[in-house]
Amino acid sequence: MTPTTPSIGHIFALQSKLEDIFQEGLDARYTRHARTNALVHDWVKRTDFEFFAEERFRSKTLTCVANNKPIDVLDLAKRLREKHHLVIDPGYGKLRGKTFRLSNMGDETAETVSHLLASLDDCLKG
């Protein structure tokens, strides 16, 4: 008997996601994350943004972008959400507005990440 009600929904969700991961295969998943990460890194370089982390500390699944431009990151995140129904993290704590984070983890694909980056391009034009 457990002292509290177990979170059965989370256990089933974890089981389902693990089945997905092992069906795809770990090597294939790592390769996909590396490919989508390269798309994000190419976008950062192409748009003349800067990386927040030094190269040796960068993740393969999430990129923290330094806001080295006169851009209102909170407004950018709001426009991206309203116009394209996509969400980015506009930083938190002392970094709020000074960075934004772009995820390429989980089930993201080259197509979904490319869509996010094209949508960001669109919002940065306006």
N, C-alpha and C. Protein backbone atom coordinates (compact mmCIF):
# COMPACT_ATOMS: atom_id res chain seq x y z
N MET A 1 0.84 -1.17 0.00
CA MET A 1 0.00 0.00 0.00
C MET A 1 0.89 1.25 0.00
N THR A 2 0.55 2.21 -0.82
CA THR A 2 1.34 3.44 -0.89
C THR A 2 0.72 4.49 0.03
N PRO A 3 1.53 5.40 0.56
CA PRO A 3 0.98 6.42 1.46
C PRO A 3 0.12 7.46 0.74
N THR A 4 0.29 7.56 -0.58
CA THR A 4 -0.53 8.50 -1.37
C THR A 4 -0.99 7.78 -2.63
N THR A 5 -1.91 8.40 -3.32
CA THR A 5 -2.39 7.82 -4.57
C THR A 5 -1.30 7.95 -5.63
N PRO A 6 -0.87 6.83 -6.20
CA PRO A 6 0.17 6.93 -7.24
C PRO A 6 -0.37 7.65 -8.48
N SER A 7 0.52 8.28 -9.18
CA SER A 7 0.15 9.02 -10.38
C SER A 7 0.13 8.05 -11.56
N ILE A 8 -0.94 7.27 -11.62
CA ILE A 8 -1.06 6.21 -12.62
C ILE A 8 -0.98 6.77 -14.04
N GLY A 9 -1.61 7.92 -14.28
CA GLY A 9 -1.56 8.51 -15.63
C GLY A 9 -0.14 8.78 -16.08
N HIS A 10 0.72 9.25 -15.17
CA HIS A 10 2.12 9.51 -15.52
C HIS A 10 2.87 8.21 -15.80
N ILE A 11 2.54 7.16 -15.06
CA ILE A 11 3.20 5.87 -15.28
C ILE A 11 2.85 5.34 -16.66
N PHE A 12 1.58 5.43 -17.05
CA PHE A 12 1.18 4.97 -18.37
C PHE A 12 1.78 5.85 -19.47
N ALA A 13 1.86 7.16 -19.23
CA ALA A 13 2.47 8.05 -20.21
C ALA A 13 3.95 7.73 -20.39
N LEU A 14 4.64 7.46 -19.28
CA LEU A 14 6.05 7.09 -19.36
C LEU A 14 6.22 5.78 -20.14
N GLN A 15 5.38 4.83 -19.85
CA GLN A 15 5.45 3.54 -20.55
C GLN A 15 5.23 3.74 -22.06
N SER A 16 4.26 4.55 -22.42
CA SER A 16 3.97 4.82 -23.83
C SER A 16 5.15 5.49 -24.52
N LYS A 17 5.73 6.49 -23.86
CA LYS A 17 6.86 7.22 -24.46
C LYS A 17 8.08 6.31 -24.59
N LEU A 18 8.33 5.49 -23.58
CA LEU A 18 9.46 4.56 -23.67
C LEU A 18 9.28 3.58 -24.83
N GLU A 19 8.06 3.13 -25.04
CA GLU A 19 7.78 2.25 -26.19
C GLU A 19 8.11 2.97 -27.50
N ASP A 20 7.72 4.25 -27.59
CA ASP A 20 8.03 5.04 -28.79
C ASP A 20 9.55 5.15 -29.00
N ILE A 21 10.25 5.45 -27.91
CA ILE A 21 11.70 5.64 -27.99
C ILE A 21 12.38 4.36 -28.45
N PHE A 22 12.02 3.23 -27.85
CA PHE A 22 12.68 1.98 -28.21
C PHE A 22 12.25 1.47 -29.58
N GLN A 23 11.05 1.84 -30.01
CA GLN A 23 10.64 1.48 -31.37
C GLN A 23 11.47 2.25 -32.39
N GLU A 24 11.69 3.54 -32.12
CA GLU A 24 12.53 4.34 -33.03
C GLU A 24 13.97 3.85 -32.98
N GLY A 25 14.43 3.49 -31.81
CA GLY A 25 15.82 3.07 -31.61
C GLY A 25 16.64 4.23 -31.07
N LEU A 26 17.47 3.96 -30.08
CA LEU A 26 18.23 5.03 -29.44
C LEU A 26 19.20 5.70 -30.41
N ASP A 27 19.89 4.93 -31.23
CA ASP A 27 20.83 5.52 -32.18
C ASP A 27 20.11 6.44 -33.17
N ALA A 28 18.95 6.00 -33.65
CA ALA A 28 18.17 6.82 -34.59
C ALA A 28 17.69 8.09 -33.90
N ARG A 29 17.30 7.97 -32.65
CA ARG A 29 16.83 9.14 -31.90
C ARG A 29 17.96 10.14 -31.69
N TYR A 30 19.13 9.64 -31.30
CA TYR A 30 20.29 10.52 -31.11
C TYR A 30 20.67 11.21 -32.43
N THR A 31 20.61 10.47 -33.51
CA THR A 31 20.92 11.03 -34.83
C THR A 31 19.92 12.12 -35.20
N ARG A 32 18.63 11.86 -34.92
CA ARG A 32 17.59 12.87 -35.22
C ARG A 32 17.82 14.12 -34.39
N HIS A 33 18.14 13.96 -33.10
CA HIS A 33 18.40 15.12 -32.25
C HIS A 33 19.61 15.91 -32.76
N ALA A 34 20.65 15.22 -33.20
CA ALA A 34 21.83 15.90 -33.74
C ALA A 34 21.47 16.68 -35.00
N ARG A 35 20.63 16.08 -35.87
CA ARG A 35 20.23 16.74 -37.12
C ARG A 35 19.38 17.99 -36.83
N THR A 36 18.42 17.87 -35.92
CA THR A 36 17.58 19.03 -35.62
C THR A 36 18.37 20.09 -34.87
N ASN A 37 19.33 19.66 -34.06
CA ASN A 37 20.18 20.61 -33.36
C ASN A 37 21.03 21.40 -34.35
N ALA A 38 21.52 20.73 -35.39
CA ALA A 38 22.31 21.41 -36.42
C ALA A 38 21.46 22.46 -37.13
N LEU A 39 20.19 22.17 -37.36
CA LEU A 39 19.30 23.16 -37.98
C LEU A 39 19.20 24.41 -37.12
N VAL A 40 19.02 24.21 -35.82
CA VAL A 40 18.90 25.36 -34.90
C VAL A 40 20.21 26.13 -34.88
N HIS A 41 21.33 25.43 -34.78
CA HIS A 41 22.62 26.12 -34.72
C HIS A 41 22.91 26.88 -36.01
N ASP A 42 22.56 26.30 -37.15
CA ASP A 42 22.72 27.01 -38.42
C ASP A 42 21.87 28.28 -38.45
N TRP A 43 20.65 28.19 -37.89
CA TRP A 43 19.76 29.36 -37.85
C TRP A 43 20.37 30.45 -36.98
N VAL A 44 20.89 30.08 -35.82
CA VAL A 44 21.50 31.08 -34.92
C VAL A 44 22.62 31.81 -35.65
N LYS A 45 23.46 31.07 -36.34
CA LYS A 45 24.58 31.67 -37.06
C LYS A 45 24.10 32.53 -38.23
N ARG A 46 23.12 32.01 -38.99
CA ARG A 46 22.61 32.73 -40.17
C ARG A 46 21.96 34.05 -39.79
N THR A 47 21.31 34.09 -38.63
CA THR A 47 20.59 35.29 -38.21
C THR A 47 21.45 36.23 -37.36
N ASP A 48 22.72 35.88 -37.22
CA ASP A 48 23.67 36.69 -36.45
C ASP A 48 23.31 36.85 -34.98
N PHE A 49 22.58 35.87 -34.44
CA PHE A 49 22.41 35.82 -33.00
C PHE A 49 23.66 35.16 -32.43
N GLU A 50 23.76 35.13 -31.13
CA GLU A 50 24.88 34.47 -30.47
C GLU A 50 24.37 33.35 -29.58
N PHE A 51 25.21 32.38 -29.33
CA PHE A 51 24.88 31.31 -28.39
C PHE A 51 25.15 31.81 -26.98
N PHE A 52 24.30 31.45 -26.05
CA PHE A 52 24.52 31.83 -24.66
C PHE A 52 25.65 30.98 -24.07
N ALA A 53 25.63 29.69 -24.34
CA ALA A 53 26.64 28.79 -23.78
C ALA A 53 27.85 28.68 -24.70
N GLU A 54 29.00 28.49 -24.08
CA GLU A 54 30.19 28.20 -24.86
C GLU A 54 29.98 26.88 -25.58
N GLU A 55 30.67 26.71 -26.69
CA GLU A 55 30.45 25.54 -27.54
C GLU A 55 30.56 24.22 -26.78
N ARG A 56 31.52 24.10 -25.91
CA ARG A 56 31.72 22.82 -25.21
C ARG A 56 30.63 22.50 -24.19
N PHE A 57 29.77 23.48 -23.89
CA PHE A 57 28.69 23.25 -22.93
C PHE A 57 27.30 23.19 -23.57
N ARG A 58 27.22 23.26 -24.89
CA ARG A 58 25.93 23.29 -25.57
C ARG A 58 25.28 21.91 -25.59
N SER A 59 23.97 21.94 -25.45
CA SER A 59 23.17 20.72 -25.45
C SER A 59 22.84 20.31 -26.88
N LYS A 60 22.56 19.02 -27.06
CA LYS A 60 22.10 18.51 -28.36
C LYS A 60 20.58 18.62 -28.50
N THR A 61 19.90 18.99 -27.43
CA THR A 61 18.44 18.98 -27.45
C THR A 61 17.80 20.33 -27.18
N LEU A 62 18.58 21.31 -26.78
CA LEU A 62 18.05 22.63 -26.45
C LEU A 62 19.13 23.66 -26.69
N THR A 63 18.78 24.76 -27.33
CA THR A 63 19.75 25.82 -27.60
C THR A 63 19.29 27.09 -26.92
N CYS A 64 20.17 27.64 -26.10
CA CYS A 64 19.89 28.93 -25.46
C CYS A 64 20.57 30.01 -26.30
N VAL A 65 19.75 30.91 -26.84
CA VAL A 65 20.22 31.96 -27.74
C VAL A 65 20.34 33.26 -26.95
N ALA A 66 21.48 33.91 -27.06
CA ALA A 66 21.67 35.21 -26.41
C ALA A 66 21.01 36.28 -27.26
N ASN A 67 20.27 37.14 -26.62
CA ASN A 67 19.64 38.25 -27.34
C ASN A 67 20.65 39.38 -27.47
N ASN A 68 21.48 39.30 -28.48
CA ASN A 68 22.51 40.30 -28.72
C ASN A 68 22.03 41.40 -29.67
N LYS A 69 20.72 41.44 -29.88
CA LYS A 69 20.13 42.44 -30.78
C LYS A 69 19.10 43.26 -30.00
N PRO A 70 18.70 44.39 -30.56
CA PRO A 70 17.69 45.21 -29.87
C PRO A 70 16.27 44.64 -30.08
N ILE A 71 16.08 43.42 -29.63
CA ILE A 71 14.80 42.74 -29.83
C ILE A 71 14.13 42.54 -28.48
N ASP A 72 12.84 42.81 -28.42
CA ASP A 72 12.05 42.53 -27.23
C ASP A 72 11.66 41.05 -27.29
N VAL A 73 12.37 40.23 -26.55
CA VAL A 73 12.17 38.78 -26.60
C VAL A 73 10.76 38.40 -26.15
N LEU A 74 10.24 39.08 -25.14
CA LEU A 74 8.89 38.76 -24.67
C LEU A 74 7.86 39.04 -25.76
N ASP A 75 8.05 40.13 -26.49
CA ASP A 75 7.15 40.45 -27.61
C ASP A 75 7.32 39.44 -28.74
N LEU A 76 8.55 39.05 -29.02
CA LEU A 76 8.81 38.04 -30.04
C LEU A 76 8.08 36.74 -29.70
N ALA A 77 8.20 36.30 -28.47
CA ALA A 77 7.54 35.06 -28.03
C ALA A 77 6.02 35.20 -28.13
N LYS A 78 5.51 36.37 -27.79
CA LYS A 78 4.07 36.61 -27.87
C LYS A 78 3.59 36.56 -29.32
N ARG A 79 4.31 37.24 -30.23
CA ARG A 79 3.92 37.24 -31.64
C ARG A 79 4.01 35.84 -32.25
N LEU A 80 5.03 35.09 -31.89
CA LEU A 80 5.20 33.72 -32.37
C LEU A 80 4.02 32.85 -31.93
N ARG A 81 3.61 33.03 -30.69
CA ARG A 81 2.48 32.27 -30.16
C ARG A 81 1.17 32.67 -30.83
N GLU A 82 0.95 33.97 -30.97
CA GLU A 82 -0.32 34.45 -31.54
C GLU A 82 -0.43 34.18 -33.03
N LYS A 83 0.65 34.39 -33.77
CA LYS A 83 0.60 34.28 -35.23
C LYS A 83 0.79 32.84 -35.72
N HIS A 84 1.65 32.09 -35.05
CA HIS A 84 2.01 30.76 -35.55
C HIS A 84 1.66 29.62 -34.59
N HIS A 85 1.14 29.98 -33.42
CA HIS A 85 0.75 28.98 -32.41
C HIS A 85 1.93 28.13 -31.97
N LEU A 86 3.09 28.76 -31.86
CA LEU A 86 4.31 28.10 -31.42
C LEU A 86 4.83 28.81 -30.17
N VAL A 87 5.49 28.05 -29.31
CA VAL A 87 5.95 28.62 -28.04
C VAL A 87 7.46 28.43 -27.91
N ILE A 88 8.14 29.51 -27.54
CA ILE A 88 9.54 29.44 -27.16
C ILE A 88 9.64 29.98 -25.74
N ASP A 89 10.72 29.63 -25.08
CA ASP A 89 10.93 30.11 -23.73
C ASP A 89 11.72 31.42 -23.80
N PRO A 90 11.13 32.53 -23.30
CA PRO A 90 11.82 33.82 -23.38
C PRO A 90 12.81 34.05 -22.24
N GLY A 91 13.34 32.99 -21.69
CA GLY A 91 14.28 33.12 -20.57
C GLY A 91 13.52 33.24 -19.26
N TYR A 92 14.21 33.07 -18.18
CA TYR A 92 13.57 33.18 -16.87
C TYR A 92 14.58 33.74 -15.88
N GLY A 93 14.04 34.25 -14.80
CA GLY A 93 14.91 34.85 -13.79
C GLY A 93 15.69 36.01 -14.35
N LYS A 94 16.95 36.09 -14.03
CA LYS A 94 17.82 37.18 -14.48
C LYS A 94 18.03 37.18 -15.99
N LEU A 95 17.76 36.05 -16.65
CA LEU A 95 17.96 35.95 -18.10
C LEU A 95 16.70 36.24 -18.90
N ARG A 96 15.60 36.51 -18.23
CA ARG A 96 14.34 36.77 -18.93
C ARG A 96 14.50 37.97 -19.86
N GLY A 97 14.23 37.75 -21.14
CA GLY A 97 14.37 38.82 -22.13
C GLY A 97 15.77 38.97 -22.69
N LYS A 98 16.74 38.38 -22.00
CA LYS A 98 18.13 38.45 -22.46
C LYS A 98 18.52 37.22 -23.27
N THR A 99 17.71 36.18 -23.16
CA THR A 99 17.94 34.94 -23.91
C THR A 99 16.59 34.39 -24.35
N PHE A 100 16.62 33.44 -25.24
CA PHE A 100 15.45 32.62 -25.52
C PHE A 100 15.94 31.23 -25.87
N ARG A 101 15.11 30.25 -25.57
CA ARG A 101 15.54 28.87 -25.74
C ARG A 101 14.70 28.19 -26.82
N LEU A 102 15.39 27.46 -27.68
CA LEU A 102 14.76 26.74 -28.78
C LEU A 102 15.00 25.26 -28.57
N SER A 103 13.91 24.53 -28.46
CA SER A 103 13.99 23.09 -28.20
C SER A 103 13.96 22.30 -29.51
N ASN A 104 14.75 21.25 -29.54
CA ASN A 104 14.68 20.31 -30.66
C ASN A 104 14.68 18.88 -30.10
N MET A 105 14.16 18.73 -28.89
CA MET A 105 14.19 17.43 -28.22
C MET A 105 12.88 16.68 -28.42
N GLY A 106 12.80 15.54 -27.80
CA GLY A 106 11.57 14.75 -27.84
C GLY A 106 11.27 14.26 -29.23
N ASP A 107 10.06 14.53 -29.68
CA ASP A 107 9.60 14.02 -30.98
C ASP A 107 9.76 15.02 -32.11
N GLU A 108 10.50 16.10 -31.88
CA GLU A 108 10.70 17.09 -32.94
C GLU A 108 11.44 16.45 -34.11
N THR A 109 11.10 16.91 -35.31
CA THR A 109 11.71 16.42 -36.53
C THR A 109 12.34 17.59 -37.29
N ALA A 110 13.04 17.28 -38.36
CA ALA A 110 13.59 18.34 -39.19
C ALA A 110 12.48 19.24 -39.71
N GLU A 111 11.33 18.66 -40.02
CA GLU A 111 10.19 19.44 -40.52
C GLU A 111 9.64 20.37 -39.46
N THR A 112 9.45 19.87 -38.23
CA THR A 112 8.86 20.73 -37.19
C THR A 112 9.82 21.82 -36.75
N VAL A 113 11.12 21.48 -36.69
CA VAL A 113 12.10 22.50 -36.30
C VAL A 113 12.26 23.53 -37.42
N SER A 114 12.25 23.10 -38.65
CA SER A 114 12.32 24.04 -39.78
C SER A 114 11.12 24.97 -39.79
N HIS A 115 9.96 24.44 -39.45
CA HIS A 115 8.75 25.26 -39.36
C HIS A 115 8.90 26.32 -38.26
N LEU A 116 9.41 25.92 -37.11
CA LEU A 116 9.65 26.87 -36.02
C LEU A 116 10.60 27.96 -36.47
N LEU A 117 11.69 27.60 -37.10
CA LEU A 117 12.70 28.58 -37.51
C LEU A 117 12.17 29.52 -38.58
N ALA A 118 11.38 29.01 -39.53
CA ALA A 118 10.76 29.87 -40.55
C ALA A 118 9.76 30.82 -39.89
N SER A 119 9.06 30.33 -38.89
CA SER A 119 8.09 31.18 -38.18
C SER A 119 8.81 32.26 -37.39
N LEU A 120 9.94 31.92 -36.80
CA LEU A 120 10.74 32.93 -36.12
C LEU A 120 11.23 33.98 -37.10
N ASP A 121 11.71 33.56 -38.26
CA ASP A 121 12.13 34.50 -39.31
C ASP A 121 10.99 35.46 -39.64
N ASP A 122 9.80 34.91 -39.79
CA ASP A 122 8.63 35.73 -40.11
C ASP A 122 8.38 36.77 -39.02
N CYS A 123 8.43 36.34 -37.77
CA CYS A 123 8.17 37.26 -36.66
C CYS A 123 9.29 38.28 -36.48
N LEU A 124 10.50 37.92 -36.82
CA LEU A 124 11.62 38.87 -36.70
C LEU A 124 11.56 39.94 -37.79
N LYS A 125 10.90 39.65 -38.90
CA LYS A 125 10.75 40.65 -39.97
C LYS A 125 9.86 41.80 -39.53
N GLY A 126 8.83 41.45 -38.74
CA GLY A 126 7.80 42.44 -38.38
C GLY A 126 8.11 43.32 -37.25
